[in-house]
Structures are given as C-alpha cells and as structure tokens.
C-alpha atoms as a PDB file:
ATOM      1  CA  MET A   1     -96.079  26.230 -13.061  1.00  0.00           C
ATOM      2  CA  THR A   2     -96.638  22.720 -14.371  1.00  0.00           C
ATOM      3  CA  LEU A   3     -97.307  22.583 -18.109  1.00  0.00           C
ATOM      4  CA  PRO A   4    -100.888  21.301 -18.714  1.00  0.00           C
ATOM      5  CA  PHE A   5    -100.887  17.661 -19.812  1.00  0.00           C
ATOM      6  CA  LEU A   6    -102.134  18.268 -23.371  1.00  0.00           C
ATOM      7  CA  LYS A   7     -99.654  21.110 -23.821  1.00  0.00           C
ATOM      8  CA  ALA A   8     -96.879  18.825 -22.608  1.00  0.00           C
ATOM      9  CA  ILE A   9     -97.582  16.185 -25.271  1.00  0.00           C
ATOM     10  CA  GLN A  10     -97.514  18.891 -27.934  1.00  0.00           C
ATOM     11  CA  ASP A  11     -94.218  20.157 -26.625  1.00  0.00           C
ATOM     12  CA  HIS A  12     -92.357  16.840 -26.322  1.00  0.00           C
ATOM     13  CA  VAL A  13     -92.781  13.067 -26.221  1.00  0.00           C
ATOM     14  CA  VAL A  14     -94.104  12.188 -22.777  1.00  0.00           C
ATOM     15  CA  LEU A  15     -92.912   9.082 -20.917  1.00  0.00           C
ATOM     16  CA  PHE A  16     -95.327   6.889 -18.946  1.00  0.00           C
ATOM     17  CA  ASP A  17     -94.251   4.470 -16.239  1.00  0.00           C
ATOM     18  CA  GLY A  18     -93.983   0.687 -16.544  1.00  0.00           C
ATOM     19  CA  ALA A  19     -95.917  -2.245 -15.127  1.00  0.00           C
ATOM     20  CA  MET A  20     -97.472  -2.013 -11.667  1.00  0.00           C
ATOM     21  CA  GLY A  21     -98.504  -5.680 -11.357  1.00  0.00           C
ATOM     22  CA  THR A  22     -95.045  -7.000 -12.156  1.00  0.00           C
ATOM     23  CA  GLN A  23     -93.520  -4.787  -9.477  1.00  0.00           C
ATOM     24  CA  ILE A  24     -96.102  -5.873  -6.883  1.00  0.00           C
ATOM     25  CA  GLN A  25     -95.395  -9.524  -7.696  1.00  0.00           C
ATOM     26  CA  SER A  26     -91.659  -9.000  -7.304  1.00  0.00           C
ATOM     27  CA  SER A  27     -92.270  -7.591  -3.805  1.00  0.00           C
ATOM     28  CA  ASN A  28     -92.997 -11.143  -2.540  1.00  0.00           C
ATOM     29  CA  LEU A  29     -96.056 -10.180  -0.555  1.00  0.00           C
ATOM     30  CA  CYS A  30     -97.943 -12.593   1.693  1.00  0.00           C
ATOM     31  CA  PRO A  31    -101.728 -12.782   2.192  1.00  0.00           C
ATOM     32  CA  GLN A  32    -101.488 -10.613   5.314  1.00  0.00           C
ATOM     33  CA  ASP A  33    -100.250  -7.716   3.182  1.00  0.00           C
ATOM     34  CA  PHE A  34    -103.638  -7.498   1.405  1.00  0.00           C
ATOM     35  CA  PRO A  35    -107.024  -6.333   2.751  1.00  0.00           C
ATOM     36  CA  ASN A  36    -108.784  -9.208   4.539  1.00  0.00           C
ATOM     37  CA  ASN A  37    -105.827 -11.490   3.588  1.00  0.00           C
ATOM     38  CA  MET A  38    -107.119 -11.575  -0.011  1.00  0.00           C
ATOM     39  CA  GLU A  39    -103.928 -12.292  -1.913  1.00  0.00           C
ATOM     40  CA  GLY A  40    -103.955 -10.781  -5.369  1.00  0.00           C
ATOM     41  CA  PHE A  41    -106.187  -7.861  -4.432  1.00  0.00           C
ATOM     42  CA  ASN A  42    -103.676  -5.384  -5.826  1.00  0.00           C
ATOM     43  CA  ASP A  43    -106.014  -2.400  -5.945  1.00  0.00           C
ATOM     44  CA  GLY A  44    -106.707  -2.840  -2.216  1.00  0.00           C
ATOM     45  CA  LEU A  45    -103.041  -2.297  -1.365  1.00  0.00           C
ATOM     46  CA  VAL A  46    -103.630   1.473  -1.355  1.00  0.00           C
ATOM     47  CA  LEU A  47    -105.698   0.948   1.814  1.00  0.00           C
ATOM     48  CA  ASN A  48    -103.333  -1.052   3.980  1.00  0.00           C
ATOM     49  CA  ASN A  49     -99.975  -1.018   2.178  1.00  0.00           C
ATOM     50  CA  PRO A  50     -99.789   2.489   0.682  1.00  0.00           C
ATOM     51  CA  GLU A  51     -96.028   2.850   1.165  1.00  0.00           C
ATOM     52  CA  LEU A  52     -95.426  -0.089  -1.195  1.00  0.00           C
ATOM     53  CA  ILE A  53     -97.454   1.596  -3.930  1.00  0.00           C
ATOM     54  CA  LYS A  54     -95.715   4.916  -3.351  1.00  0.00           C
ATOM     55  CA  ARG A  55     -92.356   3.166  -3.534  1.00  0.00           C
ATOM     56  CA  ILE A  56     -93.232   1.678  -6.925  1.00  0.00           C
ATOM     57  CA  HIS A  57     -94.408   5.075  -8.236  1.00  0.00           C
ATOM     58  CA  ARG A  58     -91.211   6.634  -6.927  1.00  0.00           C
ATOM     59  CA  SER A  59     -89.035   4.017  -8.664  1.00  0.00           C
ATOM     60  CA  TYR A  60     -90.537   4.922 -12.045  1.00  0.00           C
ATOM     61  CA  LEU A  61     -90.253   8.658 -11.495  1.00  0.00           C
ATOM     62  CA  ALA A  62     -86.628   8.188 -10.436  1.00  0.00           C
ATOM     63  CA  ALA A  63     -86.051   6.326 -13.722  1.00  0.00           C
ATOM     64  CA  GLY A  64     -87.293   9.354 -15.629  1.00  0.00           C
ATOM     65  CA  ALA A  65     -91.021   8.768 -16.141  1.00  0.00           C
ATOM     66  CA  ASP A  66     -93.088  11.916 -16.647  1.00  0.00           C
ATOM     67  CA  CYS A  67     -96.312  10.174 -15.589  1.00  0.00           C
ATOM     68  CA  VAL A  68     -97.444   7.516 -13.140  1.00  0.00           C
ATOM     69  CA  GLU A  69    -100.633   5.525 -13.520  1.00  0.00           C
ATOM     70  CA  THR A  70    -102.821   5.035 -10.475  1.00  0.00           C
ATOM     71  CA  ASN A  71    -102.980   1.545  -8.977  1.00  0.00           C
ATOM     72  CA  THR A  72    -106.612   1.192 -10.075  1.00  0.00           C
ATOM     73  CA  PHE A  73    -106.466  -1.221 -13.030  1.00  0.00           C
ATOM     74  CA  GLY A  74    -109.160  -3.328 -11.320  1.00  0.00           C
ATOM     75  CA  GLY A  75    -110.840  -0.401  -9.609  1.00  0.00           C
ATOM     76  CA  ASN A  76    -114.266  -0.517 -11.258  1.00  0.00           C
ATOM     77  CA  ILE A  77    -117.316  -1.733  -9.328  1.00  0.00           C
ATOM     78  CA  LEU A  78    -117.522  -5.112 -11.069  1.00  0.00           C
ATOM     79  CA  LYS A  79    -113.887  -5.959 -10.379  1.00  0.00           C
ATOM     80  CA  LEU A  80    -113.984  -4.723  -6.791  1.00  0.00           C
ATOM     81  CA  SER A  81    -117.137  -6.753  -6.149  1.00  0.00           C
ATOM     82  CA  GLU A  82    -115.011  -9.894  -6.608  1.00  0.00           C
ATOM     83  CA  TYR A  83    -113.375  -8.953  -3.291  1.00  0.00           C
ATOM     84  CA  GLY A  84    -116.481  -7.529  -1.610  1.00  0.00           C
ATOM     85  CA  PHE A  85    -115.213  -3.950  -1.877  1.00  0.00           C
ATOM     86  CA  GLU A  86    -117.652  -2.520  -4.418  1.00  0.00           C
ATOM     87  CA  GLU A  87    -119.096  -0.110  -1.832  1.00  0.00           C
ATOM     88  CA  ARG A  88    -115.643   1.459  -1.451  1.00  0.00           C
ATOM     89  CA  THR A  89    -115.051   2.076  -5.177  1.00  0.00           C
ATOM     90  CA  PHE A  90    -114.944   5.877  -4.873  1.00  0.00           C
ATOM     91  CA  GLU A  91    -112.727   5.756  -1.787  1.00  0.00           C
ATOM     92  CA  ILE A  92    -110.172   3.339  -3.253  1.00  0.00           C
ATOM     93  CA  ASN A  93    -109.810   5.306  -6.462  1.00  0.00           C
ATOM     94  CA  LYS A  94    -109.567   8.674  -4.734  1.00  0.00           C
ATOM     95  CA  LYS A  95    -106.947   7.312  -2.339  1.00  0.00           C
ATOM     96  CA  SER A  96    -104.930   5.818  -5.181  1.00  0.00           C
ATOM     97  CA  ALA A  97    -104.907   9.103  -7.080  1.00  0.00           C
ATOM     98  CA  GLU A  98    -103.877  10.990  -3.956  1.00  0.00           C
ATOM     99  CA  LEU A  99    -100.983   8.580  -3.318  1.00  0.00           C
ATOM    100  CA  ALA A 100     -99.696   9.069  -6.840  1.00  0.00           C
ATOM    101  CA  ARG A 101    -100.093  12.832  -6.548  1.00  0.00           C
ATOM    102  CA  ASP A 102     -98.127  12.861  -3.268  1.00  0.00           C
ATOM    103  CA  VAL A 103     -95.198  11.126  -4.935  1.00  0.00           C
ATOM    104  CA  CYS A 104     -95.344  13.402  -8.001  1.00  0.00           C
ATOM    105  CA  ASN A 105     -95.210  16.406  -5.679  1.00  0.00           C
ATOM    106  CA  GLU A 106     -91.806  15.201  -4.477  1.00  0.00           C
ATOM    107  CA  TYR A 107     -90.536  16.062  -7.969  1.00  0.00           C
ATOM    108  CA  SER A 108     -91.620  19.693  -8.025  1.00  0.00           C
ATOM    109  CA  PHE A 109     -88.610  20.655 -10.168  1.00  0.00           C
ATOM    110  CA  ARG A 110     -90.052  18.719 -13.151  1.00  0.00           C
ATOM    111  CA  ASP A 111     -93.535  18.392 -14.576  1.00  0.00           C
ATOM    112  CA  LYS A 112     -95.060  15.113 -13.368  1.00  0.00           C
ATOM    113  CA  TYR A 113     -98.556  13.848 -14.119  1.00  0.00           C
ATOM    114  CA  VAL A 114    -101.001  11.420 -12.519  1.00  0.00           C
ATOM    115  CA  ILE A 115    -102.937   9.253 -14.968  1.00  0.00           C
ATOM    116  CA  GLY A 116    -106.103   7.548 -13.749  1.00  0.00           C
ATOM    117  CA  SER A 117    -106.069   3.904 -14.865  1.00  0.00           C
ATOM    118  CA  LEU A 118    -109.348   2.247 -15.950  1.00  0.00           C
ATOM    119  CA  GLY A 119    -108.870  -1.448 -16.695  1.00  0.00           C
ATOM    120  CA  PRO A 120    -111.520  -3.828 -18.096  1.00  0.00           C
ATOM    121  CA  THR A 121    -114.509  -5.075 -16.116  1.00  0.00           C
ATOM    122  CA  GLY A 122    -113.885  -8.730 -16.971  1.00  0.00           C
ATOM    123  CA  PHE A 123    -117.023  -8.809 -19.107  1.00  0.00           C
ATOM    124  CA  LEU A 124    -117.422  -8.420 -22.875  1.00  0.00           C
ATOM    125  CA  PRO A 125    -120.690  -6.580 -23.628  1.00  0.00           C
ATOM    126  CA  SER A 126    -120.396  -7.373 -27.356  1.00  0.00           C
ATOM    127  CA  SER A 127    -120.095 -11.109 -26.724  1.00  0.00           C
ATOM    128  CA  ASN A 128    -122.872 -13.682 -26.881  1.00  0.00           C
ATOM    129  CA  ASP A 129    -121.067 -15.816 -24.315  1.00  0.00           C
ATOM    130  CA  PRO A 130    -123.532 -16.563 -21.472  1.00  0.00           C
ATOM    131  CA  ASP A 131    -120.988 -15.579 -18.816  1.00  0.00           C
ATOM    132  CA  LEU A 132    -118.801 -12.904 -20.418  1.00  0.00           C
ATOM    133  CA  GLY A 133    -121.737 -11.193 -22.110  1.00  0.00           C
ATOM    134  CA  LYS A 134    -124.229 -11.233 -19.241  1.00  0.00           C
ATOM    135  CA  LYS A 135    -123.757  -7.618 -18.135  1.00  0.00           C
ATOM    136  CA  SER A 136    -125.799  -4.987 -19.969  1.00  0.00           C
ATOM    137  CA  PRO A 137    -124.146  -1.905 -21.497  1.00  0.00           C
ATOM    138  CA  ASP A 138    -125.737   0.233 -18.750  1.00  0.00           C
ATOM    139  CA  GLU A 139    -124.235  -2.001 -16.045  1.00  0.00           C
ATOM    140  CA  ILE A 140    -120.809  -1.777 -17.671  1.00  0.00           C
ATOM    141  CA  LYS A 141    -120.959   2.015 -17.888  1.00  0.00           C
ATOM    142  CA  GLU A 142    -122.218   2.383 -14.318  1.00  0.00           C
ATOM    143  CA  ALA A 143    -119.318   0.230 -13.087  1.00  0.00           C
ATOM    144  CA  PHE A 144    -116.887   2.916 -14.307  1.00  0.00           C
ATOM    145  CA  VAL A 145    -118.651   6.089 -13.155  1.00  0.00           C
ATOM    146  CA  PRO A 146    -117.795   6.021  -9.405  1.00  0.00           C
ATOM    147  CA  GLN A 147    -114.275   4.909 -10.298  1.00  0.00           C
ATOM    148  CA  CYS A 148    -113.841   7.958 -12.518  1.00  0.00           C
ATOM    149  CA  GLU A 149    -115.384  10.199  -9.859  1.00  0.00           C
ATOM    150  CA  GLY A 150    -112.887   8.964  -7.267  1.00  0.00           C
ATOM    151  CA  LEU A 151    -109.941   9.467  -9.614  1.00  0.00           C
ATOM    152  CA  LEU A 152    -111.093  12.968 -10.512  1.00  0.00           C
ATOM    153  CA  LYS A 153    -111.559  13.911  -6.850  1.00  0.00           C
ATOM    154  CA  GLY A 154    -108.113  12.491  -6.125  1.00  0.00           C
ATOM    155  CA  GLY A 155    -106.550  14.891  -8.618  1.00  0.00           C
ATOM    156  CA  VAL A 156    -105.658  12.967 -11.795  1.00  0.00           C
ATOM    157  CA  ASP A 157    -104.431  14.881 -14.851  1.00  0.00           C
ATOM    158  CA  ALA A 158    -106.017  12.483 -17.363  1.00  0.00           C
ATOM    159  CA  LEU A 159    -108.155   9.327 -17.505  1.00  0.00           C
ATOM    160  CA  LEU A 160    -106.757   6.292 -19.340  1.00  0.00           C
ATOM    161  CA  ILE A 161    -108.917   3.437 -20.586  1.00  0.00           C
ATOM    162  CA  GLU A 162    -106.488   0.563 -21.011  1.00  0.00           C
ATOM    163  CA  THR A 163    -106.081  -3.087 -21.971  1.00  0.00           C
ATOM    164  CA  SER A 164    -109.519  -3.127 -23.575  1.00  0.00           C
ATOM    165  CA  GLN A 165    -110.616  -6.239 -25.489  1.00  0.00           C
ATOM    166  CA  ASP A 166    -114.100  -5.095 -26.531  1.00  0.00           C
ATOM    167  CA  ILE A 167    -114.634  -1.829 -28.388  1.00  0.00           C
ATOM    168  CA  LEU A 168    -118.141  -1.477 -26.950  1.00  0.00           C
ATOM    169  CA  GLU A 169    -116.665  -1.544 -23.433  1.00  0.00           C
ATOM    170  CA  VAL A 170    -114.244   1.211 -24.513  1.00  0.00           C
ATOM    171  CA  LYS A 171    -117.172   3.321 -25.714  1.00  0.00           C
ATOM    172  CA  LEU A 172    -119.033   2.780 -22.452  1.00  0.00           C
ATOM    173  CA  ALA A 173    -115.938   3.671 -20.398  1.00  0.00           C
ATOM    174  CA  ILE A 174    -115.495   6.892 -22.398  1.00  0.00           C
ATOM    175  CA  GLU A 175    -119.127   7.785 -21.740  1.00  0.00           C
ATOM    176  CA  ALA A 176    -118.581   7.062 -18.031  1.00  0.00           C
ATOM    177  CA  CYS A 177    -115.573   9.417 -17.984  1.00  0.00           C
ATOM    178  CA  PHE A 178    -117.636  12.322 -19.290  1.00  0.00           C
ATOM    179  CA  THR A 179    -120.576  11.483 -17.016  1.00  0.00           C
ATOM    180  CA  ALA A 180    -118.233  11.576 -14.000  1.00  0.00           C
ATOM    181  CA  MET A 181    -116.728  14.876 -15.129  1.00  0.00           C
ATOM    182  CA  LEU A 182    -120.203  16.406 -15.188  1.00  0.00           C
ATOM    183  CA  HIS A 183    -120.903  15.066 -11.677  1.00  0.00           C
ATOM    184  CA  ILE A 184    -117.587  16.292 -10.234  1.00  0.00           C
ATOM    185  CA  GLY A 185    -117.389  19.529 -12.200  1.00  0.00           C
ATOM    186  CA  LYS A 186    -113.870  18.882 -13.445  1.00  0.00           C
ATOM    187  CA  THR A 187    -112.645  18.146 -16.989  1.00  0.00           C
ATOM    188  CA  VAL A 188    -109.499  16.222 -17.883  1.00  0.00           C
ATOM    189  CA  PRO A 189    -108.266  14.611 -21.122  1.00  0.00           C
ATOM    190  CA  VAL A 190    -109.467  11.082 -21.889  1.00  0.00           C
ATOM    191  CA  ILE A 191    -107.145   8.542 -23.507  1.00  0.00           C
ATOM    192  CA  GLY A 192    -108.873   5.702 -25.360  1.00  0.00           C
ATOM    193  CA  ASN A 193    -106.694   2.618 -25.550  1.00  0.00           C
ATOM    194  CA  VAL A 194    -107.289  -0.714 -27.236  1.00  0.00           C
ATOM    195  CA  THR A 195    -105.368  -3.959 -26.997  1.00  0.00           C
ATOM    196  CA  LEU A 196    -104.540  -5.823 -30.204  1.00  0.00           C
ATOM    197  CA  ASP A 197    -103.161  -9.317 -30.691  1.00  0.00           C
ATOM    198  CA  GLN A 198    -100.146 -10.104 -32.883  1.00  0.00           C
ATOM    199  CA  TYR A 199    -102.435 -10.039 -35.933  1.00  0.00           C
ATOM    200  CA  GLY A 200    -103.645  -6.515 -35.213  1.00  0.00           C
ATOM    201  CA  LYS A 201    -107.100  -7.370 -33.879  1.00  0.00           C
ATOM    202  CA  MET A 202    -108.932  -7.069 -30.574  1.00  0.00           C
ATOM    203  CA  LEU A 203    -110.178 -10.223 -28.869  1.00  0.00           C
ATOM    204  CA  LEU A 204    -113.560 -10.074 -30.598  1.00  0.00           C
ATOM    205  CA  GLY A 205    -112.082  -9.386 -34.028  1.00  0.00           C
ATOM    206  CA  THR A 206    -112.113  -5.568 -34.245  1.00  0.00           C
ATOM    207  CA  ASN A 207    -109.101  -4.259 -36.192  1.00  0.00           C
ATOM    208  CA  VAL A 208    -107.326  -1.021 -35.425  1.00  0.00           C
ATOM    209  CA  GLN A 209    -109.068   0.880 -38.226  1.00  0.00           C
ATOM    210  CA  ALA A 210    -112.536  -0.050 -36.957  1.00  0.00           C
ATOM    211  CA  ALA A 211    -111.590   0.599 -33.338  1.00  0.00           C
ATOM    212  CA  TYR A 212    -110.174   4.032 -34.157  1.00  0.00           C
ATOM    213  CA  THR A 213    -113.164   5.007 -36.297  1.00  0.00           C
ATOM    214  CA  THR A 214    -115.556   3.911 -33.547  1.00  0.00           C
ATOM    215  CA  ILE A 215    -114.187   6.143 -30.787  1.00  0.00           C
ATOM    216  CA  CYS A 216    -112.118   8.932 -32.388  1.00  0.00           C
ATOM    217  CA  ASP A 217    -115.071  11.342 -32.445  1.00  0.00           C
ATOM    218  CA  MET A 218    -116.232  10.687 -28.863  1.00  0.00           C
ATOM    219  CA  GLY A 219    -114.240  13.534 -27.375  1.00  0.00           C
ATOM    220  CA  ILE A 220    -111.068  11.610 -26.542  1.00  0.00           C
ATOM    221  CA  SER A 221    -107.788  13.524 -26.607  1.00  0.00           C
ATOM    222  CA  LEU A 222    -105.514  10.602 -27.530  1.00  0.00           C
ATOM    223  CA  PHE A 223    -105.820   7.135 -29.027  1.00  0.00           C
ATOM    224  CA  GLY A 224    -103.486   4.406 -27.896  1.00  0.00           C
ATOM    225  CA  LEU A 225    -102.348   0.793 -28.013  1.00  0.00           C
ATOM    226  CA  ASN A 226    -101.202  -1.035 -24.891  1.00  0.00           C
ATOM    227  CA  CYS A 227    -100.438  -4.528 -23.620  1.00  0.00           C
ATOM    228  CA  SER A 228    -100.855  -7.906 -25.369  1.00  0.00           C
ATOM    229  CA  THR A 229     -97.755  -7.702 -27.624  1.00  0.00           C
ATOM    230  CA  GLY A 230     -94.328  -6.182 -27.821  1.00  0.00           C
ATOM    231  CA  PRO A 231     -93.357  -3.168 -29.945  1.00  0.00           C
ATOM    232  CA  VAL A 232     -92.632  -5.140 -33.128  1.00  0.00           C
ATOM    233  CA  GLU A 233     -96.153  -6.565 -33.387  1.00  0.00           C
ATOM    234  CA  MET A 234     -97.655  -3.115 -32.889  1.00  0.00           C
ATOM    235  CA  LYS A 235     -95.697  -1.484 -35.716  1.00  0.00           C
ATOM    236  CA  PRO A 236     -98.200  -1.950 -38.616  1.00  0.00           C
ATOM    237  CA  SER A 237    -101.005  -0.483 -36.504  1.00  0.00           C
ATOM    238  CA  ILE A 238     -98.851   2.445 -35.344  1.00  0.00           C
ATOM    239  CA  ILE A 239     -97.885   3.223 -38.942  1.00  0.00           C
ATOM    240  CA  TRP A 240    -101.569   3.330 -39.939  1.00  0.00           C
ATOM    241  CA  LEU A 241    -102.517   5.501 -36.949  1.00  0.00           C
ATOM    242  CA  ASN A 242     -99.680   7.928 -37.648  1.00  0.00           C
ATOM    243  CA  GLU A 243    -100.830   8.248 -41.280  1.00  0.00           C
ATOM    244  CA  GLN A 244    -104.247   9.475 -40.093  1.00  0.00           C
ATOM    245  CA  ALA A 245    -102.475  12.647 -38.899  1.00  0.00           C
ATOM    246  CA  ASP A 246    -105.339  13.206 -36.486  1.00  0.00           C
ATOM    247  CA  LEU A 247    -105.222  12.291 -32.794  1.00  0.00           C
ATOM    248  CA  PRO A 248    -101.993  12.032 -30.813  1.00  0.00           C
ATOM    249  CA  ILE A 249    -100.946   8.410 -30.264  1.00  0.00           C
ATOM    250  CA  LEU A 250     -99.930   6.471 -27.150  1.00  0.00           C
ATOM    251  CA  VAL A 251     -97.744   3.355 -27.486  1.00  0.00           C
ATOM    252  CA  VAL A 252     -97.337   1.218 -24.343  1.00  0.00           C
ATOM    253  CA  PRO A 253     -96.319  -2.357 -25.257  1.00  0.00           C
ATOM    254  CA  ASN A 254     -95.330  -5.315 -23.135  1.00  0.00           C
ATOM    255  CA  ALA A 255     -91.690  -6.321 -22.767  1.00  0.00           C
ATOM    256  CA  GLY A 256     -92.161  -8.569 -25.809  1.00  0.00           C
ATOM    257  CA  MET A 257     -94.710 -11.292 -26.462  1.00  0.00           C
ATOM    258  CA  PRO A 258     -95.462 -13.289 -23.308  1.00  0.00           C
ATOM    259  CA  GLU A 259     -93.983 -16.783 -23.117  1.00  0.00           C
ATOM    260  CA  ASN A 260     -95.546 -19.508 -20.974  1.00  0.00           C
ATOM    261  CA  VAL A 261     -92.948 -20.849 -18.552  1.00  0.00           C
ATOM    262  CA  ASN A 262     -94.272 -23.340 -16.000  1.00  0.00           C
ATOM    263  CA  GLY A 263     -97.703 -21.767 -16.183  1.00  0.00           C
ATOM    264  CA  ARG A 264     -96.470 -18.201 -15.772  1.00  0.00           C
ATOM    265  CA  ALA A 265     -96.289 -15.472 -18.398  1.00  0.00           C
ATOM    266  CA  ILE A 266     -92.665 -14.415 -18.806  1.00  0.00           C
ATOM    267  CA  TYR A 267     -91.594 -11.318 -20.738  1.00  0.00           C
ATOM    268  CA  LYS A 268     -88.062 -11.574 -22.068  1.00  0.00           C
ATOM    269  CA  LEU A 269     -87.465  -8.322 -23.943  1.00  0.00           C
ATOM    270  CA  SER A 270     -84.606  -6.566 -22.154  1.00  0.00           C
ATOM    271  CA  PRO A 271     -84.652  -2.837 -21.310  1.00  0.00           C
ATOM    272  CA  GLY A 272     -82.115  -2.091 -24.038  1.00  0.00           C
ATOM    273  CA  GLY A 273     -83.867  -4.337 -26.548  1.00  0.00           C
ATOM    274  CA  MET A 274     -87.221  -2.707 -25.930  1.00  0.00           C
ATOM    275  CA  ALA A 275     -85.792   0.812 -26.230  1.00  0.00           C
ATOM    276  CA  SER A 276     -84.086  -0.163 -29.462  1.00  0.00           C
ATOM    277  CA  GLU A 277     -87.340  -1.481 -30.936  1.00  0.00           C
ATOM    278  CA  MET A 278     -89.284   1.616 -29.852  1.00  0.00           C
ATOM    279  CA  LYS A 279     -86.724   4.132 -31.061  1.00  0.00           C
ATOM    280  CA  GLU A 280     -88.346   4.286 -34.501  1.00  0.00           C
ATOM    281  CA  PHE A 281     -91.739   5.174 -32.996  1.00  0.00           C
ATOM    282  CA  ILE A 282     -90.207   7.929 -30.904  1.00  0.00           C
ATOM    283  CA  THR A 283     -87.968   9.451 -33.587  1.00  0.00           C
ATOM    284  CA  ASN A 284     -89.873   8.930 -36.868  1.00  0.00           C
ATOM    285  CA  TYR A 285     -93.613   9.065 -36.125  1.00  0.00           C
ATOM    286  CA  GLU A 286     -94.637  12.606 -35.271  1.00  0.00           C
ATOM    287  CA  PHE A 287     -98.060  11.658 -33.897  1.00  0.00           C
ATOM    288  CA  VAL A 288     -96.587   9.278 -31.316  1.00  0.00           C
ATOM    289  CA  ARG A 289     -96.633  11.570 -28.278  1.00  0.00           C
ATOM    290  CA  ILE A 290     -96.649   9.120 -25.365  1.00  0.00           C
ATOM    291  CA  VAL A 291     -94.613   5.953 -24.824  1.00  0.00           C
ATOM    292  CA  GLY A 292     -94.251   3.664 -21.830  1.00  0.00           C
ATOM    293  CA  GLY A 293     -94.220   0.052 -20.747  1.00  0.00           C
ATOM    294  CA  CYS A 294     -96.914  -2.489 -19.907  1.00  0.00           C
ATOM    295  CA  CYS A 295     -96.581  -6.088 -18.628  1.00  0.00           C
ATOM    296  CA  GLY A 296     -93.080  -7.239 -17.794  1.00  0.00           C
ATOM    297  CA  THR A 297     -91.530  -3.771 -17.849  1.00  0.00           C
ATOM    298  CA  SER A 298     -89.577  -2.339 -14.941  1.00  0.00           C
ATOM    299  CA  PRO A 299     -87.891   0.933 -13.986  1.00  0.00           C
ATOM    300  CA  ALA A 300     -84.892  -0.273 -16.009  1.00  0.00           C
ATOM    301  CA  HIS A 301     -87.040  -0.376 -19.168  1.00  0.00           C
ATOM    302  CA  ILE A 302     -88.334   3.138 -18.474  1.00  0.00           C
ATOM    303  CA  LEU A 303     -84.798   4.421 -17.908  1.00  0.00           C
ATOM    304  CA  GLU A 304     -83.744   3.167 -21.367  1.00  0.00           C
ATOM    305  CA  LEU A 305     -86.783   4.806 -22.988  1.00  0.00           C
ATOM    306  CA  ARG A 306     -85.864   8.028 -21.172  1.00  0.00           C
ATOM    307  CA  HIS A 307     -82.450   7.946 -22.864  1.00  0.00           C
ATOM    308  CA  ILE A 308     -84.045   7.578 -26.321  1.00  0.00           C
ATOM    309  CA  ILE A 309     -86.454  10.473 -25.718  1.00  0.00           C
ATOM    310  CA  ASP A 310     -83.666  12.703 -24.380  1.00  0.00           C
ATOM    311  CA  GLU A 311     -81.543  11.936 -27.455  1.00  0.00           C
ATOM    312  CA  LYS A 312     -84.424  13.034 -29.681  1.00  0.00           C
ATOM    313  CA  ASN A 313     -84.956  16.215 -27.694  1.00  0.00           C
ATOM    314  CA  GLU A 314     -81.275  17.100 -27.848  1.00  0.00           C
ATOM    315  CA  LYS A 315     -81.258  16.657 -31.628  1.00  0.00           C
ATOM    316  CA  ASN A 316     -84.343  18.839 -32.002  1.00  0.00           C
ATOM    317  CA  MET A 317     -82.778  21.569 -29.881  1.00  0.00           C
ATOM    318  CA  GLY A 318     -79.515  21.285 -31.792  1.00  0.00           C
END
C-alpha cells in the first residue's frame, strides 16, 4: 500500500521533480508538435504528444523523485483561452493527471505521487494596472475551478499552487481547490506556494510573513516557496518559516538566479552546487518536508538532491 501523501512528508523528506518547461525546450520541438501548430503551447502537448510528457516524468522518477507535477502550469481557463482551448480545460487537466499517474504506476515498488500544478493566470487581481488588474476576483477563482476538477478526476494526490506573484490570486486559487473538491467529492491536500524576489518580497510587495499569515489558516496542508531565485536567496525566508513551527514547508528554487544571455534566461547553478546549497535546508530545518527544483533544473539536479536526502535518512536510521 502506498503511504498517504501527508503521512509520507511526516515520515521523511519528500523529493519533487525538476523543471518541465526546460525539458520541453531541450526537446527541440517544431510547431507541428503542438496542437494546431501553436508553438509554446506546452500544456497542449498532453493531447498530441503525450509520450514526450511521459518521458520527462519518467526521467525525473528514474533520478529518484518521489513526486511528479502534472504538465498543467498554464492549465487554467484564462491561460488556455490564449490558445483557444478554454472549453477543453477539464479534459486537458484530467489527461495530464492520468499521464503522470500512468508513469508513477510503473514504479509500484516505491511510493510515487502525482501533484496537480496550478500556475498563475497572468493577471494580478490586487493590481491597479488597467491590463493586469482587469479580471475580477470571481473571474480569477472561476478560472481555476474546472482545472482543479480535471486534476482531481485524473487522480492527483495533492494540488499545488505555484509561482504566484499576487497573494490575492493565491487565496482565490485555494478557494477554487476546495470548491472543486466539493463538486468532485474528493479531498486532497493543498499546497500554497508563493514566489519571492531576491529581497524576500512578492511582485506586488508582500513579504513572506504577510503572505504566510494571509493563507496559513485557509485549510492548506503545506506552505512553500518556489521559482524566482536560487536556494541562497530563499534562506532568510525559510529560516523564518521554520521558526513558526507550524505548517510543513516546501522549498523548490530555481537553479540559481536567472542570467540574461542573448535575451534568454540561463540558470547556471550546477546539480552538485544546488544540492550543496540545499543541504542545510534538508538536514537542519525540521519543518522543511519537501524539496525539488524549478526553472533550469534537470534530472541531474534531482539525482543530487536524492543523494542528500538519502544521506540524511541513513544517519537518522543509524
């Protein structure tokens, strides 16, 4: 029997996968590989290129990941409407969860989990900007509900709100998760993530203390930080979160701070370098229960993190 997800994070540090987008980019796809030749429509790849997505999931599980995130970072209605696929929101998310579950089932000898990924809508409901702030809170929430329903129907073990720049959007996404659970009749843990810059603040100025206080009592099971920076820049926020001795913590940084090289974001932190920087989180902070990699990370980064976690587990058993 697979250990339930929340029991697993109590039992040991759980390892997430690495970046999906980076791996898709490195596959050198052409427009014909995407639905309706719409290059860049990564979420649509589950419809007409499912084996590619399964191969990426498989590469992370082979590297030692305990969890894979669904290829649904842009799977909400507002994001899918940019490609004319908003009417297929439920279908795309359900299919993506099922693909991930199929690959996890290949590893029946170890507990593997499917995490439903909810990325941002592209709007900032707290902003006064005429473009970014033009969607109402109700519209933002309703953009997530069918996405969550599809993920739940597809069999995810948890829902992950990630790479969030606006704490109000995080609140609305959390509400959408619980609304969808009521509709589907299935309950899973919700992970509330925020994204902080190198100064410890979200895009609209919310610091980690305010972000945590805003959502920690909304029924989430974990609070996390992902994307935007590397591990070093996250450290002050992780120390503060660990001191709260309250919710379990997720830490999923980029492979270092992005560097602009010829108009492209390049992440230069090596697998060994990233594992070295994250070792302190894994070994010294008891409330850090999930680690993984965001932008720029690869199966090689996840393999190195696996080694660090296994070292800790061996010491605890010894």
